Amino acid sequence: MPIRILIADDHAVVRQGLRMFLGTDAELEIIGEARDGAEAVEKARLLKPDVILMDLLMPVMDGISAISAIRREMPETEVVALTSVLEDKSIVEAVRAGAIGYLLKDTEANELRKSIKAAAAGQVQLSHQVAARLMRELNTPVKSPETLTMRELDVLKMLAQGKSNKEISQFMNIGEQTVKTHVSHILDKLGVPSRTQAALLAVRMGLISTLE
């Protein structure tokens, strides 16, 4: 099954461009577009996409608010921030809201396709530069790793190492749906909305030395 994508951007030319070059990949399917954050939330409820490409600066409802609303209501949907803004505040707010990735609009087409597929597979992918900014700026209280079971700790470590759901399931000899269930429990116990924040907490808890 192709990865089902919703594009949220207030500029028609951007939506058309994304639809054009993402449409050349048989593994990706554009199922809808939204012109603002509020419409993105409505379309997400209706279409249940696998991945949403979310601009941050939009009318009616901004992308950060939309990401937060979508992650609360539809935790199975991953959101990748796609923006022209590269500043610490925007990165931190997007990840805190629940974005699994953060990309600039000048990202190469092949890199964007790769990032979408990684997001759909549950892979946390952050550049060292972005990860360093997040580690410096995020002030999420560190929960004790004792709140997690041994199995959940193992899943969290592999998640932070950039492993996909499929890779984790193969390594642990469990089903992908079971991996997703473990991840859901991890997010609940750590009190974070996204795999990205869970991965950052894994570093702060000393479970791994650095994001890979």
Protein backbone atom coordinates (compact mmCIF):
# COMPACT_ATOMS: atom_id res chain seq x y z
CA MET A 1 0.00 0.00 0.00
CA PRO A 2 1.34 3.47 -0.86
CA ILE A 3 2.00 6.00 1.89
CA ARG A 4 -1.00 8.35 2.06
CA ILE A 5 0.02 12.01 2.27
CA LEU A 6 -1.82 15.24 3.09
CA ILE A 7 -0.17 18.50 2.03
CA ALA A 8 -0.89 21.57 4.17
CA ASP A 9 0.40 24.88 2.79
CA ASP A 10 -1.27 28.23 2.11
CA HIS A 11 0.54 28.70 -1.21
CA ALA A 12 -1.08 26.92 -4.16
CA VAL A 13 2.18 26.85 -6.12
CA VAL A 14 3.90 24.98 -3.27
CA ARG A 15 1.08 22.42 -3.06
CA GLN A 16 1.16 21.94 -6.83
CA GLY A 17 4.93 21.52 -6.85
CA LEU A 18 4.84 18.96 -4.06
CA ARG A 19 2.02 17.06 -5.73
CA MET A 20 3.96 17.02 -9.00
CA PHE A 21 7.26 15.58 -7.84
CA LEU A 22 5.90 13.36 -5.07
CA GLY A 23 3.41 11.94 -7.54
CA THR A 24 6.24 10.40 -9.57
CA ASP A 25 6.93 7.92 -6.74
CA ALA A 26 4.65 4.87 -6.81
CA GLU A 27 5.17 4.38 -3.06
CA LEU A 28 3.55 7.75 -2.29
CA GLU A 29 -0.05 8.88 -2.78
CA ILE A 30 -1.30 12.46 -2.32
CA ILE A 31 -4.79 12.10 -0.88
CA GLY A 32 -5.57 15.74 -0.12
CA GLU A 33 -4.50 19.34 0.33
CA ALA A 34 -5.20 22.00 2.95
CA ARG A 35 -4.80 25.79 2.68
CA ASP A 36 -4.47 26.50 6.40
CA GLY A 37 -4.01 24.77 9.72
CA ALA A 38 -7.71 24.50 10.51
CA GLU A 39 -8.41 22.84 7.17
CA ALA A 40 -5.44 20.51 7.76
CA VAL A 41 -7.02 19.30 11.01
CA GLU A 42 -10.39 18.81 9.30
CA LYS A 43 -8.85 16.94 6.35
CA ALA A 44 -6.76 14.80 8.70
CA ARG A 45 -9.89 13.74 10.58
CA LEU A 46 -11.65 12.89 7.33
CA LEU A 47 -8.84 11.26 5.33
CA LYS A 48 -6.67 9.66 8.06
CA PRO A 49 -3.35 10.19 6.21
CA ASP A 50 -0.18 8.34 7.13
CA VAL A 51 1.96 11.47 6.87
CA ILE A 52 1.17 15.20 6.75
CA LEU A 53 3.57 17.76 5.27
CA MET A 54 2.83 20.84 7.37
CA ASP A 55 3.83 24.42 6.68
CA LEU A 56 4.23 26.41 9.89
CA LEU A 57 3.22 29.93 8.80
CA MET A 58 -0.41 29.74 7.67
CA PRO A 59 -3.61 31.77 8.20
CA VAL A 60 -6.64 30.84 10.35
CA MET A 61 -4.60 28.31 12.37
CA ASP A 62 -0.81 28.13 12.26
CA GLY A 63 1.06 24.90 11.61
CA ILE A 64 2.26 24.48 15.21
CA SER A 65 -1.31 24.55 16.56
CA ALA A 66 -2.44 22.19 13.81
CA ILE A 67 0.34 19.71 14.58
CA SER A 68 -0.61 19.72 18.25
CA ALA A 69 -4.30 19.14 17.51
CA ILE A 70 -3.60 16.36 15.02
CA ARG A 71 -1.18 14.50 17.29
CA ARG A 72 -3.70 14.64 20.18
CA GLU A 73 -6.55 13.27 18.08
CA MET A 74 -4.70 11.08 15.58
CA PRO A 75 -1.49 9.71 17.11
CA GLU A 76 -1.10 7.20 14.26
CA THR A 77 -0.60 10.08 11.80
CA GLU A 78 2.96 11.41 11.64
CA VAL A 79 3.61 15.07 10.83
CA VAL A 80 6.68 16.48 9.09
CA ALA A 81 7.16 20.24 9.39
CA LEU A 82 8.04 21.64 5.96
CA THR A 83 8.90 25.31 6.23
CA SER A 84 11.14 28.14 5.08
CA VAL A 85 11.94 29.05 8.71
CA LEU A 86 15.07 27.67 10.39
CA GLU A 87 15.26 29.09 13.88
CA ASP A 88 15.52 27.50 17.29
CA LYS A 89 12.09 28.67 18.44
CA SER A 90 10.26 27.20 15.43
CA ILE A 91 12.15 23.90 15.60
CA VAL A 92 11.47 23.49 19.31
CA GLU A 93 7.79 24.42 19.02
CA ALA A 94 7.23 22.05 16.08
CA VAL A 95 8.86 19.11 17.84
CA ARG A 96 7.17 19.93 21.15
CA ALA A 97 3.83 19.94 19.29
CA GLY A 98 4.57 16.45 17.97
CA ALA A 99 6.35 16.71 14.60
CA ILE A 100 8.53 13.69 13.82
CA GLY A 101 10.66 15.67 11.35
CA TYR A 102 11.62 19.22 10.41
CA LEU A 103 12.57 20.07 6.82
CA LEU A 104 13.19 23.25 4.88
CA LYS A 105 11.36 23.96 1.64
CA ASP A 106 14.62 23.99 -0.29
CA THR A 107 15.16 20.31 0.60
CA GLU A 108 15.99 18.21 -2.47
CA ALA A 109 13.11 16.14 -3.85
CA ASN A 110 14.85 12.82 -3.21
CA GLU A 111 15.61 13.80 0.39
CA LEU A 112 11.99 14.83 0.93
CA ARG A 113 10.70 11.51 -0.41
CA LYS A 114 13.17 9.66 1.82
CA SER A 115 12.04 11.65 4.87
CA ILE A 116 8.36 10.98 4.18
CA LYS A 117 9.02 7.24 3.95
CA ALA A 118 11.08 7.36 7.14
CA ALA A 119 8.28 9.19 8.98
CA ALA A 120 5.71 6.65 7.81
CA ALA A 121 7.99 3.87 9.09
CA GLY A 122 8.28 5.57 12.49
CA GLN A 123 11.91 6.59 12.07
CA VAL A 124 13.19 9.61 13.96
CA GLN A 125 15.57 11.51 11.67
CA LEU A 126 17.23 14.68 12.91
CA SER A 127 20.40 16.30 11.68
CA HIS A 128 23.07 16.66 14.38
CA GLN A 129 22.61 20.44 14.14
CA VAL A 130 18.86 20.27 14.75
CA ALA A 131 19.28 17.64 17.49
CA ALA A 132 21.81 19.85 19.28
CA ARG A 133 19.42 22.81 19.18
CA LEU A 134 16.60 20.69 20.53
CA MET A 135 18.69 19.25 23.35
CA ARG A 136 19.64 22.79 24.35
CA GLU A 137 16.17 24.29 24.17
CA LEU A 138 13.72 21.58 25.20
CA ASN A 139 13.01 21.67 28.91
CA THR A 140 10.78 18.61 29.18
CA PRO A 141 11.21 17.10 32.67
CA VAL A 142 13.11 13.83 32.51
CA LYS A 143 11.01 10.93 33.77
CA SER A 144 12.76 8.07 35.50
CA PRO A 145 13.46 5.17 33.12
CA GLU A 146 12.12 2.87 35.87
CA THR A 147 8.62 3.91 34.78
CA LEU A 148 9.18 1.89 31.58
CA THR A 149 9.26 -1.89 31.33
CA MET A 150 12.44 -3.58 30.10
CA ARG A 151 10.78 -4.26 26.76
CA GLU A 152 9.74 -0.61 26.45
CA LEU A 153 13.28 0.51 27.29
CA ASP A 154 14.61 -1.71 24.51
CA VAL A 155 12.10 -0.24 22.05
CA LEU A 156 12.95 3.32 23.14
CA LYS A 157 16.68 2.72 22.64
CA MET A 158 16.15 1.42 19.10
CA LEU A 159 13.69 4.21 18.33
CA ALA A 160 16.34 6.74 19.39
CA GLN A 161 18.88 4.95 17.19
CA GLY A 162 16.70 5.74 14.16
CA LYS A 163 15.31 2.23 13.71
CA SER A 164 12.01 1.83 11.86
CA ASN A 165 9.03 -0.09 13.25
CA LYS A 166 9.87 -2.95 10.88
CA GLU A 167 13.51 -3.06 11.99
CA ILE A 168 12.51 -3.05 15.66
CA SER A 169 9.96 -5.80 15.09
CA GLN A 170 12.50 -7.96 13.29
CA PHE A 171 15.19 -7.45 15.92
CA MET A 172 12.82 -8.18 18.80
CA ASN A 173 10.89 -10.89 16.95
CA ILE A 174 7.52 -9.23 17.54
CA GLY A 175 4.85 -7.83 15.21
CA GLU A 176 4.94 -4.26 13.90
CA GLN A 177 1.60 -3.55 15.55
CA THR A 178 3.08 -4.68 18.86
CA VAL A 179 5.95 -2.24 18.31
CA LYS A 180 3.44 0.57 17.72
CA THR A 181 1.64 -0.40 20.93
CA HIS A 182 4.90 -0.27 22.88
CA VAL A 183 5.69 3.15 21.39
CA SER A 184 2.24 4.43 22.36
CA HIS A 185 2.81 3.28 25.96
CA ILE A 186 6.26 4.89 25.98
CA LEU A 187 4.86 8.25 24.84
CA ASP A 188 2.12 8.09 27.46
CA LYS A 189 4.51 7.22 30.28
CA LEU A 190 7.06 9.87 29.29
CA GLY A 191 4.34 12.47 28.73
CA VAL A 192 5.49 13.46 25.23
CA PRO A 193 3.52 13.63 21.96
CA SER A 194 6.10 12.31 19.51
CA ARG A 195 8.82 9.78 18.88
CA THR A 196 11.24 12.65 18.36
CA GLN A 197 10.80 13.96 21.89
CA ALA A 198 10.97 10.41 23.27
CA ALA A 199 14.29 9.93 21.44
CA LEU A 200 15.65 13.16 22.89
CA LEU A 201 14.61 12.07 26.37
CA ALA A 202 16.41 8.75 25.80
CA VAL A 203 19.62 10.75 25.43
CA ARG A 204 18.91 12.86 28.50
CA MET A 205 18.11 9.73 30.53
CA GLY A 206 21.45 8.25 29.49
CA LEU A 207 19.94 5.31 27.61
CA ILE A 208 22.05 6.19 24.57
CA SER A 209 24.95 8.63 24.21
CA THR A 210 23.63 10.56 21.22
CA LEU A 211 20.96 10.44 18.51
CA GLU A 212 22.18 8.39 15.56
